[in-house]
Amino acid sequence: MTPIFHMIAGAPDPVAPFSHAVEADGWVFVTGQMPFVGTSLDSPYPDGIEAQTRQVLENLQTVLAGCGLGLEHAVSVRIYLTHFDADYAAMNAVYADHFASGRRPARTCIGVTGLAKGARVEIDLVARRPSEPVKAGLPA
């Protein structure tokens, strides 16, 4: 199995030397996304944790779409917050709107002392490509 290194047109430029996503054996590991609006690393972040969380999730969707996937394929999510106590509830309210109840990925949320370019939130995730459906009458 040779990994596929994805660089997605329309996704924010990386802040360091990494791919937007790396795929191996149907697993897609999406690099943590920041709340950049557009592709430029010089664009200002939206104000407030709600707007930054929405933008990060939009950026994740852009990367996933470039891999032919969506948030519904996410199986594990990690969230990093620089203002954990102040932002946790508001971030969760926005986050919950992006995943169907009863189909939410496993998740870890961590308070950190800093994120690249002064963001308040960063989110990475692991997605799984759906397996090929079994055709009737053929062995699995």
C-alpha atoms as a PDB file:
ATOM      1  CA  MET A   1       0.000   0.000   0.000  1.00  0.00           C
ATOM      2  CA  THR A   2       1.494   3.282  -1.137  1.00  0.00           C
ATOM      3  CA  PRO A   3       0.199   6.400   0.643  1.00  0.00           C
ATOM      4  CA  ILE A   4      -1.492   9.123  -1.402  1.00  0.00           C
ATOM      5  CA  PHE A   5      -0.467  12.662  -0.439  1.00  0.00           C
ATOM      6  CA  HIS A   6      -3.304  15.094  -1.153  1.00  0.00           C
ATOM      7  CA  MET A   7      -2.883  18.821  -1.773  1.00  0.00           C
ATOM      8  CA  ILE A   8      -6.360  20.245  -2.332  1.00  0.00           C
ATOM      9  CA  ALA A   9      -7.058  23.229  -4.592  1.00  0.00           C
ATOM     10  CA  GLY A  10      -9.123  25.806  -2.718  1.00  0.00           C
ATOM     11  CA  ALA A  11      -7.998  24.686   0.749  1.00  0.00           C
ATOM     12  CA  PRO A  12      -5.893  27.091   2.831  1.00  0.00           C
ATOM     13  CA  ASP A  13      -2.180  26.995   2.133  1.00  0.00           C
ATOM     14  CA  PRO A  14      -0.339  24.919   4.765  1.00  0.00           C
ATOM     15  CA  VAL A  15       1.335  26.912   7.567  1.00  0.00           C
ATOM     16  CA  ALA A  16       4.211  24.393   7.613  1.00  0.00           C
ATOM     17  CA  PRO A  17       5.595  21.607   5.386  1.00  0.00           C
ATOM     18  CA  PHE A  18       2.722  19.096   5.299  1.00  0.00           C
ATOM     19  CA  SER A  19      -0.004  17.727   3.020  1.00  0.00           C
ATOM     20  CA  HIS A  20      -3.670  18.626   3.439  1.00  0.00           C
ATOM     21  CA  ALA A  21      -4.410  14.912   3.817  1.00  0.00           C
ATOM     22  CA  VAL A  22      -2.657  11.576   3.523  1.00  0.00           C
ATOM     23  CA  GLU A  23      -4.549   8.461   2.508  1.00  0.00           C
ATOM     24  CA  ALA A  24      -3.556   4.873   3.195  1.00  0.00           C
ATOM     25  CA  ASP A  25      -5.662   1.737   2.792  1.00  0.00           C
ATOM     26  CA  GLY A  26      -8.943   3.692   2.749  1.00  0.00           C
ATOM     27  CA  TRP A  27      -8.062   5.792   5.797  1.00  0.00           C
ATOM     28  CA  VAL A  28      -7.761   9.538   5.200  1.00  0.00           C
ATOM     29  CA  PHE A  29      -5.805  11.558   7.765  1.00  0.00           C
ATOM     30  CA  VAL A  30      -6.695  15.239   7.431  1.00  0.00           C
ATOM     31  CA  THR A  31      -4.217  17.782   8.749  1.00  0.00           C
ATOM     32  CA  GLY A  32      -5.475  20.166  11.406  1.00  0.00           C
ATOM     33  CA  GLN A  33      -7.241  23.097   9.807  1.00  0.00           C
ATOM     34  CA  MET A  34      -7.072  26.679  10.982  1.00  0.00           C
ATOM     35  CA  PRO A  35      -9.817  29.309  10.576  1.00  0.00           C
ATOM     36  CA  PHE A  36      -8.317  30.908   7.445  1.00  0.00           C
ATOM     37  CA  VAL A  37     -10.890  32.423   5.116  1.00  0.00           C
ATOM     38  CA  GLY A  38      -9.785  31.525   1.584  1.00  0.00           C
ATOM     39  CA  THR A  39      -6.380  30.095   0.782  1.00  0.00           C
ATOM     40  CA  SER A  40      -4.061  32.870   1.968  1.00  0.00           C
ATOM     41  CA  LEU A  41      -2.296  32.515   5.292  1.00  0.00           C
ATOM     42  CA  ASP A  42      -2.348  36.297   5.561  1.00  0.00           C
ATOM     43  CA  SER A  43      -6.144  36.569   5.684  1.00  0.00           C
ATOM     44  CA  PRO A  44      -7.479  37.574   9.100  1.00  0.00           C
ATOM     45  CA  TYR A  45      -9.420  35.045  11.131  1.00  0.00           C
ATOM     46  CA  PRO A  46     -13.125  35.582  11.734  1.00  0.00           C
ATOM     47  CA  ASP A  47     -13.945  37.136  15.115  1.00  0.00           C
ATOM     48  CA  GLY A  48     -15.001  34.855  17.959  1.00  0.00           C
ATOM     49  CA  ILE A  49     -14.930  31.144  18.597  1.00  0.00           C
ATOM     50  CA  GLU A  50     -18.234  30.425  16.843  1.00  0.00           C
ATOM     51  CA  ALA A  51     -17.108  32.004  13.562  1.00  0.00           C
ATOM     52  CA  GLN A  52     -13.645  30.438  13.824  1.00  0.00           C
ATOM     53  CA  THR A  53     -15.146  26.990  14.473  1.00  0.00           C
ATOM     54  CA  ARG A  54     -17.494  27.345  11.468  1.00  0.00           C
ATOM     55  CA  GLN A  55     -14.562  28.350   9.252  1.00  0.00           C
ATOM     56  CA  VAL A  56     -12.375  25.471  10.443  1.00  0.00           C
ATOM     57  CA  LEU A  57     -15.193  23.000   9.723  1.00  0.00           C
ATOM     58  CA  GLU A  58     -15.690  24.585   6.288  1.00  0.00           C
ATOM     59  CA  ASN A  59     -11.960  24.180   5.594  1.00  0.00           C
ATOM     60  CA  LEU A  60     -12.134  20.533   6.684  1.00  0.00           C
ATOM     61  CA  GLN A  61     -15.074  20.014   4.322  1.00  0.00           C
ATOM     62  CA  THR A  62     -13.038  21.542   1.480  1.00  0.00           C
ATOM     63  CA  VAL A  63     -10.182  19.105   2.093  1.00  0.00           C
ATOM     64  CA  LEU A  64     -12.535  16.141   2.432  1.00  0.00           C
ATOM     65  CA  ALA A  65     -14.432  17.116  -0.736  1.00  0.00           C
ATOM     66  CA  GLY A  66     -11.108  17.243  -2.569  1.00  0.00           C
ATOM     67  CA  CYS A  67     -10.642  13.611  -1.514  1.00  0.00           C
ATOM     68  CA  GLY A  68     -14.182  12.693  -2.599  1.00  0.00           C
ATOM     69  CA  LEU A  69     -15.474  12.525   1.000  1.00  0.00           C
ATOM     70  CA  GLY A  70     -17.531  14.540   3.467  1.00  0.00           C
ATOM     71  CA  LEU A  71     -17.840  15.042   7.218  1.00  0.00           C
ATOM     72  CA  GLU A  72     -20.125  11.996   7.336  1.00  0.00           C
ATOM     73  CA  HIS A  73     -17.006   9.887   6.657  1.00  0.00           C
ATOM     74  CA  ALA A  74     -15.173  11.192   9.749  1.00  0.00           C
ATOM     75  CA  VAL A  75     -14.545   8.514  12.370  1.00  0.00           C
ATOM     76  CA  SER A  76     -12.314  10.439  14.776  1.00  0.00           C
ATOM     77  CA  VAL A  77     -11.856  14.156  15.475  1.00  0.00           C
ATOM     78  CA  ARG A  78      -9.366  16.080  17.598  1.00  0.00           C
ATOM     79  CA  ILE A  79     -10.071  19.666  18.615  1.00  0.00           C
ATOM     80  CA  TYR A  80      -7.530  22.056  20.096  1.00  0.00           C
ATOM     81  CA  LEU A  81      -8.681  25.201  21.951  1.00  0.00           C
ATOM     82  CA  THR A  82      -6.477  27.988  23.298  1.00  0.00           C
ATOM     83  CA  HIS A  83      -9.247  29.358  25.572  1.00  0.00           C
ATOM     84  CA  PHE A  84     -10.679  26.029  26.691  1.00  0.00           C
ATOM     85  CA  ASP A  85     -12.936  27.121  29.560  1.00  0.00           C
ATOM     86  CA  ALA A  86     -14.254  30.192  27.751  1.00  0.00           C
ATOM     87  CA  ASP A  87     -14.763  28.565  24.329  1.00  0.00           C
ATOM     88  CA  TYR A  88     -15.719  24.928  24.960  1.00  0.00           C
ATOM     89  CA  ALA A  89     -19.515  25.319  25.113  1.00  0.00           C
ATOM     90  CA  ALA A  90     -19.751  27.731  22.166  1.00  0.00           C
ATOM     91  CA  MET A  91     -17.455  25.560  20.026  1.00  0.00           C
ATOM     92  CA  ASN A  92     -19.579  22.505  20.857  1.00  0.00           C
ATOM     93  CA  ALA A  93     -22.776  24.279  19.778  1.00  0.00           C
ATOM     94  CA  VAL A  94     -21.310  24.986  16.324  1.00  0.00           C
ATOM     95  CA  TYR A  95     -19.653  21.564  16.070  1.00  0.00           C
ATOM     96  CA  ALA A  96     -22.896  19.714  16.882  1.00  0.00           C
ATOM     97  CA  ASP A  97     -24.636  21.350  13.897  1.00  0.00           C
ATOM     98  CA  HIS A  98     -22.147  19.722  11.500  1.00  0.00           C
ATOM     99  CA  PHE A  99     -22.604  16.085  12.514  1.00  0.00           C
ATOM    100  CA  ALA A 100     -25.847  14.100  12.522  1.00  0.00           C
ATOM    101  CA  SER A 101     -27.080  13.058  15.943  1.00  0.00           C
ATOM    102  CA  GLY A 102     -26.327   9.378  16.463  1.00  0.00           C
ATOM    103  CA  ARG A 103     -23.559   9.457  13.811  1.00  0.00           C
ATOM    104  CA  ARG A 104     -20.958  11.664  15.451  1.00  0.00           C
ATOM    105  CA  PRO A 105     -17.296  10.628  15.273  1.00  0.00           C
ATOM    106  CA  ALA A 106     -15.220   9.722  18.309  1.00  0.00           C
ATOM    107  CA  ARG A 107     -13.629  12.891  19.632  1.00  0.00           C
ATOM    108  CA  THR A 108     -10.971  14.386  21.848  1.00  0.00           C
ATOM    109  CA  CYS A 109     -10.889  18.075  22.815  1.00  0.00           C
ATOM    110  CA  ILE A 110      -7.702  19.478  24.288  1.00  0.00           C
ATOM    111  CA  GLY A 111      -6.815  22.830  25.830  1.00  0.00           C
ATOM    112  CA  VAL A 112      -3.492  24.135  24.505  1.00  0.00           C
ATOM    113  CA  THR A 113      -1.310  27.165  25.202  1.00  0.00           C
ATOM    114  CA  GLY A 114      -1.077  28.258  21.588  1.00  0.00           C
ATOM    115  CA  LEU A 115      -1.874  27.473  17.955  1.00  0.00           C
ATOM    116  CA  ALA A 116      -0.243  28.574  14.699  1.00  0.00           C
ATOM    117  CA  LYS A 117      -0.923  32.147  13.653  1.00  0.00           C
ATOM    118  CA  GLY A 118      -2.848  32.872  16.877  1.00  0.00           C
ATOM    119  CA  ALA A 119      -5.957  30.814  16.105  1.00  0.00           C
ATOM    120  CA  ARG A 120      -8.366  29.984  18.935  1.00  0.00           C
ATOM    121  CA  VAL A 121      -9.322  26.590  17.443  1.00  0.00           C
ATOM    122  CA  GLU A 122      -7.755  23.917  15.250  1.00  0.00           C
ATOM    123  CA  ILE A 123      -9.429  20.650  14.257  1.00  0.00           C
ATOM    124  CA  ASP A 124      -7.982  17.561  12.580  1.00  0.00           C
ATOM    125  CA  LEU A 125      -9.727  14.339  11.732  1.00  0.00           C
ATOM    126  CA  VAL A 126      -9.494  10.811  10.422  1.00  0.00           C
ATOM    127  CA  ALA A 127     -12.001   9.703   7.795  1.00  0.00           C
ATOM    128  CA  ARG A 128     -12.657   6.283   6.319  1.00  0.00           C
ATOM    129  CA  ARG A 129     -13.462   5.734   2.683  1.00  0.00           C
ATOM    130  CA  PRO A 130     -16.591   3.567   2.303  1.00  0.00           C
ATOM    131  CA  SER A 131     -15.794   0.017   1.292  1.00  0.00           C
ATOM    132  CA  GLU A 132     -17.043  -1.260  -2.014  1.00  0.00           C
ATOM    133  CA  PRO A 133     -20.532  -2.738  -1.742  1.00  0.00           C
ATOM    134  CA  VAL A 134     -20.742  -6.506  -2.138  1.00  0.00           C
ATOM    135  CA  LYS A 135     -22.497  -7.426  -5.382  1.00  0.00           C
ATOM    136  CA  ALA A 136     -25.354  -9.889  -5.078  1.00  0.00           C
ATOM    137  CA  GLY A 137     -24.308 -13.448  -5.807  1.00  0.00           C
ATOM    138  CA  LEU A 138     -20.570 -12.750  -5.471  1.00  0.00           C
ATOM    139  CA  PRO A 139     -18.483 -13.862  -2.502  1.00  0.00           C
ATOM    140  CA  ALA A 140     -17.523 -11.102  -0.076  1.00  0.00           C
END
